Amino acid sequence: MSDITIRRATADDSRRLTRLVRGSRAYRGDYAAMVEGYQVGGPYIEHHPVFVAVGEDGNENGDRDGGRGGKVLGFYALLVDEAELDLAFVADGAQGLGIGRLLMEHMTGQAKDAGLGSVRVVAHPPAEEFYLRTGAVRTGTVPPSGRIHWERPELRYDVA
């Protein structure tokens, strides 16, 4: 994990990040509808703080970093105006290596630098334990709506 870099995403990362979201094992079966057709578009990336973890460790499970060297191992998107973590994904083959924890530490630092006191997370149910392990606290439950037919845990990172 010593060769991990976190950098700001660019619109050129759109396809790589979209593939990471759509290909996630966490969204198979009942959860597939949540990411079906989902796109992490260039305008979204340019408008919001989106950060990518890139590795040089020879892990062949990430997606090539478009000529920059390394593999895209994960990313997150922070909605500063809403004080909310909108997206957080780690490539399936890179899970368990501490990349998600590194991304959440980076995210809370970015949130603090932006003057936020806390960051809301509406989590994918299987990801709740990850968020709790990385410092979030559960604040409630979000009821089903739209294409999402299950309750989702609501959590908060305190960053002040």
N, C-alpha and C. Protein backbone atom coordinates (compact mmCIF):
# COMPACT_ATOMS: atom_id res chain seq x y z
N MET A 1 0.82 -1.19 0.00
CA MET A 1 0.00 0.00 0.00
C MET A 1 0.86 1.26 0.00
N SER A 2 2.15 1.14 0.10
CA SER A 2 3.01 2.31 0.17
C SER A 2 3.06 3.08 -1.13
N ASP A 3 2.66 2.49 -2.24
CA ASP A 3 2.73 3.16 -3.53
C ASP A 3 1.37 3.67 -3.99
N ILE A 4 0.51 4.05 -3.06
CA ILE A 4 -0.81 4.57 -3.39
C ILE A 4 -0.75 6.09 -3.41
N THR A 5 -1.30 6.67 -4.46
CA THR A 5 -1.41 8.12 -4.58
C THR A 5 -2.88 8.47 -4.69
N ILE A 6 -3.28 9.54 -4.03
CA ILE A 6 -4.65 10.04 -4.20
C ILE A 6 -4.53 11.36 -4.94
N ARG A 7 -5.24 11.45 -6.06
CA ARG A 7 -5.21 12.65 -6.87
C ARG A 7 -6.64 13.06 -7.23
N ARG A 8 -6.80 14.32 -7.59
CA ARG A 8 -8.09 14.82 -8.04
C ARG A 8 -8.42 14.17 -9.38
N ALA A 9 -9.64 13.70 -9.51
CA ALA A 9 -10.09 13.11 -10.77
C ALA A 9 -10.31 14.21 -11.81
N THR A 10 -10.23 13.82 -13.06
CA THR A 10 -10.54 14.72 -14.17
C THR A 10 -11.64 14.08 -15.02
N ALA A 11 -12.18 14.86 -15.93
CA ALA A 11 -13.22 14.34 -16.82
C ALA A 11 -12.73 13.12 -17.60
N ASP A 12 -11.42 13.05 -17.84
CA ASP A 12 -10.86 11.90 -18.56
C ASP A 12 -11.01 10.60 -17.78
N ASP A 13 -11.28 10.68 -16.49
CA ASP A 13 -11.45 9.48 -15.65
C ASP A 13 -12.86 8.91 -15.72
N SER A 14 -13.76 9.59 -16.37
CA SER A 14 -15.18 9.21 -16.37
C SER A 14 -15.41 7.75 -16.71
N ARG A 15 -14.84 7.27 -17.79
CA ARG A 15 -15.09 5.88 -18.20
C ARG A 15 -14.53 4.89 -17.19
N ARG A 16 -13.33 5.15 -16.68
CA ARG A 16 -12.73 4.24 -15.69
C ARG A 16 -13.57 4.18 -14.42
N LEU A 17 -14.03 5.33 -13.94
CA LEU A 17 -14.82 5.34 -12.71
C LEU A 17 -16.19 4.71 -12.93
N THR A 18 -16.78 4.95 -14.08
CA THR A 18 -18.06 4.32 -14.41
C THR A 18 -17.92 2.80 -14.44
N ARG A 19 -16.86 2.29 -15.05
CA ARG A 19 -16.63 0.84 -15.08
C ARG A 19 -16.47 0.28 -13.67
N LEU A 20 -15.76 1.02 -12.81
CA LEU A 20 -15.56 0.56 -11.44
C LEU A 20 -16.91 0.44 -10.72
N VAL A 21 -17.78 1.43 -10.87
CA VAL A 21 -19.10 1.41 -10.24
C VAL A 21 -19.94 0.26 -10.79
N ARG A 22 -20.07 0.18 -12.09
CA ARG A 22 -20.95 -0.83 -12.71
C ARG A 22 -20.45 -2.25 -12.51
N GLY A 23 -19.14 -2.42 -12.37
CA GLY A 23 -18.57 -3.76 -12.21
C GLY A 23 -18.45 -4.23 -10.77
N SER A 24 -18.84 -3.42 -9.82
CA SER A 24 -18.67 -3.76 -8.40
C SER A 24 -19.48 -4.99 -8.01
N ARG A 25 -18.81 -5.95 -7.38
CA ARG A 25 -19.51 -7.15 -6.86
C ARG A 25 -20.57 -6.80 -5.83
N ALA A 26 -20.39 -5.70 -5.14
CA ALA A 26 -21.34 -5.30 -4.10
C ALA A 26 -22.71 -4.96 -4.67
N TYR A 27 -22.79 -4.75 -5.98
CA TYR A 27 -24.05 -4.36 -6.60
C TYR A 27 -24.57 -5.42 -7.56
N ARG A 28 -24.38 -6.66 -7.21
CA ARG A 28 -24.95 -7.76 -7.99
C ARG A 28 -26.24 -8.22 -7.33
N GLY A 29 -26.99 -9.02 -8.03
CA GLY A 29 -28.23 -9.57 -7.47
C GLY A 29 -29.26 -8.48 -7.25
N ASP A 30 -29.85 -8.48 -6.06
CA ASP A 30 -30.92 -7.53 -5.73
C ASP A 30 -30.49 -6.08 -5.88
N TYR A 31 -29.20 -5.80 -5.70
CA TYR A 31 -28.71 -4.42 -5.72
C TYR A 31 -28.32 -3.94 -7.12
N ALA A 32 -28.39 -4.78 -8.13
CA ALA A 32 -27.93 -4.43 -9.48
C ALA A 32 -28.66 -3.22 -10.05
N ALA A 33 -29.93 -3.07 -9.74
CA ALA A 33 -30.70 -1.95 -10.28
C ALA A 33 -30.13 -0.60 -9.87
N MET A 34 -29.45 -0.56 -8.76
CA MET A 34 -28.92 0.71 -8.26
C MET A 34 -27.84 1.28 -9.16
N VAL A 35 -27.06 0.45 -9.83
CA VAL A 35 -25.97 0.95 -10.67
C VAL A 35 -26.20 0.71 -12.16
N GLU A 36 -27.29 0.08 -12.49
CA GLU A 36 -27.60 -0.19 -13.89
C GLU A 36 -27.69 1.12 -14.66
N GLY A 37 -26.86 1.26 -15.68
CA GLY A 37 -26.86 2.46 -16.49
C GLY A 37 -26.21 3.67 -15.82
N TYR A 38 -25.66 3.49 -14.63
CA TYR A 38 -25.06 4.61 -13.90
C TYR A 38 -23.81 5.10 -14.61
N GLN A 39 -23.61 6.40 -14.61
CA GLN A 39 -22.42 6.98 -15.22
C GLN A 39 -21.84 8.04 -14.30
N VAL A 40 -20.54 7.97 -14.11
CA VAL A 40 -19.80 9.03 -13.41
C VAL A 40 -19.31 9.94 -14.53
N GLY A 41 -20.09 10.94 -14.87
CA GLY A 41 -19.83 11.77 -16.04
C GLY A 41 -18.76 12.82 -15.82
N GLY A 42 -18.18 13.28 -16.92
CA GLY A 42 -17.17 14.32 -16.87
C GLY A 42 -17.65 15.60 -16.19
N PRO A 43 -18.84 16.11 -16.52
CA PRO A 43 -19.32 17.32 -15.84
C PRO A 43 -19.47 17.13 -14.32
N TYR A 44 -19.90 15.94 -13.90
CA TYR A 44 -20.01 15.64 -12.46
C TYR A 44 -18.63 15.73 -11.82
N ILE A 45 -17.64 15.11 -12.46
CA ILE A 45 -16.28 15.10 -11.93
C ILE A 45 -15.71 16.51 -11.86
N GLU A 46 -15.99 17.32 -12.86
CA GLU A 46 -15.47 18.68 -12.87
C GLU A 46 -16.16 19.57 -11.84
N HIS A 47 -17.41 19.27 -11.51
CA HIS A 47 -18.18 20.12 -10.58
C HIS A 47 -17.95 19.77 -9.11
N HIS A 48 -17.70 18.50 -8.81
CA HIS A 48 -17.57 18.05 -7.42
C HIS A 48 -16.15 17.58 -7.14
N PRO A 49 -15.73 17.66 -5.88
CA PRO A 49 -14.45 17.06 -5.51
C PRO A 49 -14.52 15.53 -5.62
N VAL A 50 -13.90 15.00 -6.63
CA VAL A 50 -13.81 13.56 -6.85
C VAL A 50 -12.33 13.23 -6.82
N PHE A 51 -11.96 12.27 -5.97
CA PHE A 51 -10.56 11.89 -5.80
C PHE A 51 -10.38 10.41 -6.08
N VAL A 52 -9.27 10.08 -6.73
CA VAL A 52 -8.98 8.73 -7.19
C VAL A 52 -7.74 8.22 -6.48
N ALA A 53 -7.80 6.97 -6.00
CA ALA A 53 -6.63 6.28 -5.46
C ALA A 53 -5.99 5.50 -6.60
N VAL A 54 -4.71 5.76 -6.83
CA VAL A 54 -3.97 5.12 -7.91
C VAL A 54 -2.81 4.37 -7.29
N GLY A 55 -2.63 3.13 -7.72
CA GLY A 55 -1.57 2.30 -7.16
C GLY A 55 -0.51 1.93 -8.17
N GLU A 56 0.69 1.79 -7.70
CA GLU A 56 1.84 1.36 -8.51
C GLU A 56 2.32 -0.01 -8.06
N ASP A 57 1.51 -0.74 -7.30
CA ASP A 57 1.99 -1.95 -6.63
C ASP A 57 1.90 -3.22 -7.46
N GLY A 58 1.58 -3.11 -8.74
CA GLY A 58 1.49 -4.32 -9.57
C GLY A 58 0.17 -5.03 -9.44
N ASN A 59 -0.77 -4.49 -8.68
CA ASN A 59 -2.10 -5.09 -8.54
C ASN A 59 -2.80 -5.01 -9.88
N GLU A 60 -3.09 -6.13 -10.48
CA GLU A 60 -3.71 -6.15 -11.80
C GLU A 60 -5.23 -6.07 -11.75
N ASN A 61 -5.80 -5.80 -10.59
CA ASN A 61 -7.25 -5.77 -10.47
C ASN A 61 -7.85 -4.38 -10.64
N GLY A 62 -7.01 -3.37 -10.64
CA GLY A 62 -7.51 -2.02 -10.86
C GLY A 62 -7.59 -1.73 -12.35
N ASP A 63 -8.04 -0.55 -12.71
CA ASP A 63 -8.16 -0.15 -14.10
C ASP A 63 -7.02 0.81 -14.40
N ARG A 64 -6.35 0.66 -15.53
CA ARG A 64 -5.21 1.52 -15.91
C ARG A 64 -5.58 2.99 -15.77
N ASP A 65 -4.64 3.76 -15.31
CA ASP A 65 -4.85 5.18 -15.06
C ASP A 65 -4.54 6.03 -16.28
N GLY A 66 -5.07 5.64 -17.41
CA GLY A 66 -5.07 6.46 -18.60
C GLY A 66 -3.77 7.16 -18.95
N GLY A 67 -2.66 6.44 -19.01
CA GLY A 67 -1.40 7.04 -19.40
C GLY A 67 -0.66 7.72 -18.27
N ARG A 68 -1.25 7.80 -17.09
CA ARG A 68 -0.58 8.44 -15.96
C ARG A 68 0.27 7.44 -15.19
N GLY A 69 0.14 6.16 -15.53
CA GLY A 69 0.84 5.11 -14.79
C GLY A 69 -0.02 4.63 -13.65
N GLY A 70 0.11 3.38 -13.31
CA GLY A 70 -0.62 2.85 -12.18
C GLY A 70 -2.01 2.37 -12.52
N LYS A 71 -2.71 1.95 -11.49
CA LYS A 71 -4.06 1.41 -11.60
C LYS A 71 -5.01 2.25 -10.76
N VAL A 72 -6.21 2.47 -11.26
CA VAL A 72 -7.24 3.11 -10.47
C VAL A 72 -7.78 2.05 -9.51
N LEU A 73 -7.56 2.26 -8.22
CA LEU A 73 -7.94 1.28 -7.21
C LEU A 73 -9.23 1.64 -6.49
N GLY A 74 -9.62 2.90 -6.53
CA GLY A 74 -10.84 3.33 -5.86
C GLY A 74 -11.02 4.83 -6.04
N PHE A 75 -12.17 5.33 -5.59
CA PHE A 75 -12.42 6.77 -5.66
C PHE A 75 -13.56 7.14 -4.73
N TYR A 76 -13.69 8.43 -4.49
CA TYR A 76 -14.85 8.95 -3.76
C TYR A 76 -15.24 10.29 -4.35
N ALA A 77 -16.49 10.68 -4.10
CA ALA A 77 -17.01 11.98 -4.52
C ALA A 77 -17.68 12.62 -3.32
N LEU A 78 -17.28 13.84 -3.03
CA LEU A 78 -17.83 14.60 -1.91
C LEU A 78 -18.67 15.74 -2.45
N LEU A 79 -19.92 15.82 -2.02
CA LEU A 79 -20.79 16.93 -2.38
C LEU A 79 -20.64 17.98 -1.28
N VAL A 80 -19.82 18.98 -1.51
CA VAL A 80 -19.51 19.96 -0.46
C VAL A 80 -20.75 20.75 -0.08
N ASP A 81 -21.53 21.21 -1.06
CA ASP A 81 -22.72 22.03 -0.75
C ASP A 81 -23.73 21.28 0.10
N GLU A 82 -23.81 19.96 -0.06
CA GLU A 82 -24.74 19.14 0.71
C GLU A 82 -24.08 18.48 1.91
N ALA A 83 -22.77 18.64 2.05
CA ALA A 83 -22.00 17.97 3.11
C ALA A 83 -22.31 16.48 3.11
N GLU A 84 -22.16 15.86 1.93
CA GLU A 84 -22.53 14.45 1.78
C GLU A 84 -21.51 13.71 0.93
N LEU A 85 -21.16 12.50 1.36
CA LEU A 85 -20.36 11.59 0.55
C LEU A 85 -21.31 10.95 -0.44
N ASP A 86 -21.13 11.24 -1.73
CA ASP A 86 -22.06 10.76 -2.74
C ASP A 86 -21.66 9.39 -3.27
N LEU A 87 -20.38 9.19 -3.52
CA LEU A 87 -19.89 7.93 -4.06
C LEU A 87 -18.61 7.53 -3.34
N ALA A 88 -18.44 6.24 -3.14
CA ALA A 88 -17.18 5.70 -2.62
C ALA A 88 -17.09 4.26 -3.08
N PHE A 89 -16.07 3.96 -3.85
CA PHE A 89 -15.88 2.62 -4.39
C PHE A 89 -14.41 2.24 -4.34
N VAL A 90 -14.17 0.97 -4.07
CA VAL A 90 -12.84 0.39 -4.17
C VAL A 90 -12.97 -0.79 -5.12
N ALA A 91 -12.03 -0.92 -6.06
CA ALA A 91 -12.06 -2.03 -7.01
C ALA A 91 -12.12 -3.34 -6.26
N ASP A 92 -12.89 -4.29 -6.78
CA ASP A 92 -13.08 -5.57 -6.11
C ASP A 92 -11.75 -6.22 -5.72
N GLY A 93 -10.80 -6.26 -6.62
CA GLY A 93 -9.52 -6.90 -6.35
C GLY A 93 -8.62 -6.13 -5.42
N ALA A 94 -8.98 -4.89 -5.10
CA ALA A 94 -8.15 -4.07 -4.22
C ALA A 94 -8.75 -3.94 -2.82
N GLN A 95 -9.89 -4.59 -2.58
CA GLN A 95 -10.52 -4.49 -1.26
C GLN A 95 -9.71 -5.26 -0.22
N GLY A 96 -9.72 -4.75 0.99
CA GLY A 96 -8.99 -5.38 2.08
C GLY A 96 -7.54 -4.93 2.18
N LEU A 97 -7.13 -3.98 1.34
CA LEU A 97 -5.76 -3.50 1.35
C LEU A 97 -5.60 -2.15 2.06
N GLY A 98 -6.69 -1.61 2.60
CA GLY A 98 -6.62 -0.33 3.29
C GLY A 98 -6.90 0.87 2.41
N ILE A 99 -7.25 0.63 1.16
CA ILE A 99 -7.49 1.73 0.24
C ILE A 99 -8.75 2.51 0.61
N GLY A 100 -9.80 1.81 0.99
CA GLY A 100 -11.03 2.47 1.41
C GLY A 100 -10.79 3.35 2.63
N ARG A 101 -10.05 2.85 3.59
CA ARG A 101 -9.72 3.63 4.79
C ARG A 101 -8.92 4.87 4.40
N LEU A 102 -7.96 4.71 3.52
CA LEU A 102 -7.15 5.83 3.05
C LEU A 102 -8.03 6.88 2.35
N LEU A 103 -8.97 6.42 1.53
CA LEU A 103 -9.88 7.34 0.86
C LEU A 103 -10.77 8.09 1.86
N MET A 104 -11.27 7.39 2.89
CA MET A 104 -12.13 8.06 3.87
C MET A 104 -11.33 9.06 4.71
N GLU A 105 -10.09 8.74 5.02
CA GLU A 105 -9.24 9.70 5.74
C GLU A 105 -9.02 10.94 4.87
N HIS A 106 -8.78 10.72 3.60
CA HIS A 106 -8.60 11.84 2.67
C HIS A 106 -9.88 12.66 2.58
N MET A 107 -11.02 11.97 2.45
CA MET A 107 -12.31 12.66 2.34
C MET A 107 -12.58 13.53 3.56
N THR A 108 -12.34 12.99 4.75
CA THR A 108 -12.62 13.80 5.95
C THR A 108 -11.67 15.00 6.02
N GLY A 109 -10.45 14.84 5.55
CA GLY A 109 -9.54 15.98 5.48
C GLY A 109 -10.02 17.04 4.51
N GLN A 110 -10.50 16.61 3.35
CA GLN A 110 -11.06 17.54 2.37
C GLN A 110 -12.30 18.25 2.93
N ALA A 111 -13.14 17.50 3.63
CA ALA A 111 -14.35 18.09 4.21
C ALA A 111 -13.98 19.14 5.26
N LYS A 112 -13.01 18.82 6.09
CA LYS A 112 -12.57 19.77 7.12
C LYS A 112 -11.99 21.02 6.46
N ASP A 113 -11.17 20.84 5.42
CA ASP A 113 -10.59 21.98 4.70
C ASP A 113 -11.67 22.85 4.06
N ALA A 114 -12.79 22.24 3.68
CA ALA A 114 -13.91 22.97 3.08
C ALA A 114 -14.79 23.65 4.12
N GLY A 115 -14.46 23.46 5.41
CA GLY A 115 -15.21 24.10 6.47
C GLY A 115 -16.44 23.32 6.94
N LEU A 116 -16.53 22.06 6.55
CA LEU A 116 -17.67 21.25 6.98
C LEU A 116 -17.44 20.72 8.39
N GLY A 117 -18.51 20.60 9.15
CA GLY A 117 -18.42 20.02 10.49
C GLY A 117 -18.67 18.52 10.49
N SER A 118 -19.41 18.08 9.49
CA SER A 118 -19.71 16.65 9.37
C SER A 118 -20.05 16.34 7.92
N VAL A 119 -20.04 15.04 7.62
CA VAL A 119 -20.38 14.58 6.28
C VAL A 119 -21.39 13.45 6.41
N ARG A 120 -22.50 13.59 5.73
CA ARG A 120 -23.56 12.58 5.73
C ARG A 120 -23.23 11.49 4.71
N VAL A 121 -23.59 10.25 5.06
CA VAL A 121 -23.44 9.12 4.16
C VAL A 121 -24.74 8.33 4.18
N VAL A 122 -25.33 8.13 3.01
CA VAL A 122 -26.43 7.19 2.87
C VAL A 122 -25.78 5.97 2.22
N ALA A 123 -25.62 4.92 3.01
CA ALA A 123 -24.78 3.80 2.62
C ALA A 123 -25.53 2.68 1.91
N HIS A 124 -24.79 2.01 1.07
CA HIS A 124 -25.21 0.73 0.52
C HIS A 124 -25.22 -0.23 1.72
N PRO A 125 -26.31 -0.95 1.98
CA PRO A 125 -26.38 -1.75 3.21
C PRO A 125 -25.16 -2.63 3.50
N PRO A 126 -24.60 -3.35 2.51
CA PRO A 126 -23.42 -4.16 2.84
C PRO A 126 -22.18 -3.34 3.21
N ALA A 127 -22.18 -2.04 2.92
CA ALA A 127 -21.01 -1.20 3.22
C ALA A 127 -21.08 -0.55 4.59
N GLU A 128 -22.18 -0.71 5.30
CA GLU A 128 -22.33 -0.03 6.59
C GLU A 128 -21.19 -0.34 7.55
N GLU A 129 -20.81 -1.59 7.67
CA GLU A 129 -19.73 -1.95 8.61
C GLU A 129 -18.42 -1.26 8.25
N PHE A 130 -18.14 -1.13 6.97
CA PHE A 130 -16.93 -0.41 6.54
C PHE A 130 -16.96 1.02 7.07
N TYR A 131 -18.07 1.71 6.86
CA TYR A 131 -18.16 3.10 7.31
C TYR A 131 -18.03 3.21 8.83
N LEU A 132 -18.64 2.29 9.54
CA LEU A 132 -18.51 2.30 11.00
C LEU A 132 -17.06 2.08 11.43
N ARG A 133 -16.37 1.16 10.78
CA ARG A 133 -14.96 0.89 11.11
C ARG A 133 -14.05 2.07 10.80
N THR A 134 -14.47 2.92 9.87
CA THR A 134 -13.61 4.05 9.50
C THR A 134 -14.05 5.36 10.16
N GLY A 135 -14.88 5.26 11.19
CA GLY A 135 -15.18 6.43 12.01
C GLY A 135 -16.55 7.04 11.89
N ALA A 136 -17.39 6.54 11.02
CA ALA A 136 -18.74 7.08 10.91
C ALA A 136 -19.60 6.56 12.06
N VAL A 137 -20.65 7.30 12.37
CA VAL A 137 -21.63 6.85 13.36
C VAL A 137 -22.99 6.77 12.67
N ARG A 138 -23.76 5.79 13.07
CA ARG A 138 -25.09 5.62 12.46
C ARG A 138 -26.03 6.66 13.04
N THR A 139 -26.81 7.30 12.16
CA THR A 139 -27.75 8.33 12.60
C THR A 139 -29.20 7.98 12.28
N GLY A 140 -29.42 6.95 11.48
CA GLY A 140 -30.80 6.60 11.14
C GLY A 140 -30.86 5.69 9.94
N THR A 141 -32.04 5.69 9.32
CA THR A 141 -32.30 4.84 8.16
C THR A 141 -33.05 5.67 7.13
N VAL A 142 -32.70 5.48 5.86
CA VAL A 142 -33.39 6.15 4.76
C VAL A 142 -34.33 5.14 4.13
N PRO A 143 -35.62 5.48 4.02
CA PRO A 143 -36.59 4.52 3.46
C PRO A 143 -36.39 4.32 1.97
N PRO A 144 -36.94 3.23 1.43
CA PRO A 144 -36.84 2.96 -0.01
C PRO A 144 -37.48 4.09 -0.82
N SER A 145 -36.92 4.32 -2.01
CA SER A 145 -37.51 5.30 -2.93
C SER A 145 -37.00 5.02 -4.34
N GLY A 146 -37.81 5.33 -5.32
CA GLY A 146 -37.44 5.15 -6.72
C GLY A 146 -37.09 3.71 -7.03
N ARG A 147 -35.93 3.52 -7.66
CA ARG A 147 -35.48 2.17 -8.04
C ARG A 147 -34.88 1.41 -6.86
N ILE A 148 -34.76 2.06 -5.73
CA ILE A 148 -34.17 1.43 -4.55
C ILE A 148 -35.30 0.94 -3.65
N HIS A 149 -35.38 -0.39 -3.51
CA HIS A 149 -36.50 -1.01 -2.80
C HIS A 149 -36.11 -1.53 -1.43
N TRP A 150 -35.09 -0.98 -0.83
CA TRP A 150 -34.63 -1.42 0.48
C TRP A 150 -34.23 -0.20 1.31
N GLU A 151 -34.28 -0.36 2.61
CA GLU A 151 -33.82 0.70 3.50
C GLU A 151 -32.30 0.79 3.42
N ARG A 152 -31.79 2.01 3.62
CA ARG A 152 -30.35 2.21 3.61
C ARG A 152 -29.93 2.88 4.91
N PRO A 153 -28.82 2.46 5.47
CA PRO A 153 -28.33 3.10 6.69
C PRO A 153 -27.85 4.52 6.40
N GLU A 154 -28.17 5.41 7.31
CA GLU A 154 -27.68 6.79 7.24
C GLU A 154 -26.62 6.96 8.32
N LEU A 155 -25.47 7.50 7.93
CA LEU A 155 -24.35 7.65 8.85
C LEU A 155 -23.79 9.06 8.75
N ARG A 156 -22.84 9.37 9.65
CA ARG A 156 -22.22 10.67 9.66
C ARG A 156 -20.76 10.55 10.10
N TYR A 157 -19.90 11.23 9.38
CA TYR A 157 -18.52 11.43 9.82
C TYR A 157 -18.43 12.81 10.43
N ASP A 158 -17.98 12.93 11.66
CA ASP A 158 -17.73 14.23 12.27
C ASP A 158 -16.29 14.61 11.93
N VAL A 159 -16.13 15.80 11.32
CA VAL A 159 -14.80 16.18 10.85
C VAL A 159 -14.27 17.45 11.50
N ALA A 160 -15.10 18.15 12.25
CA ALA A 160 -14.66 19.41 12.86
C ALA A 160 -13.65 19.18 13.97
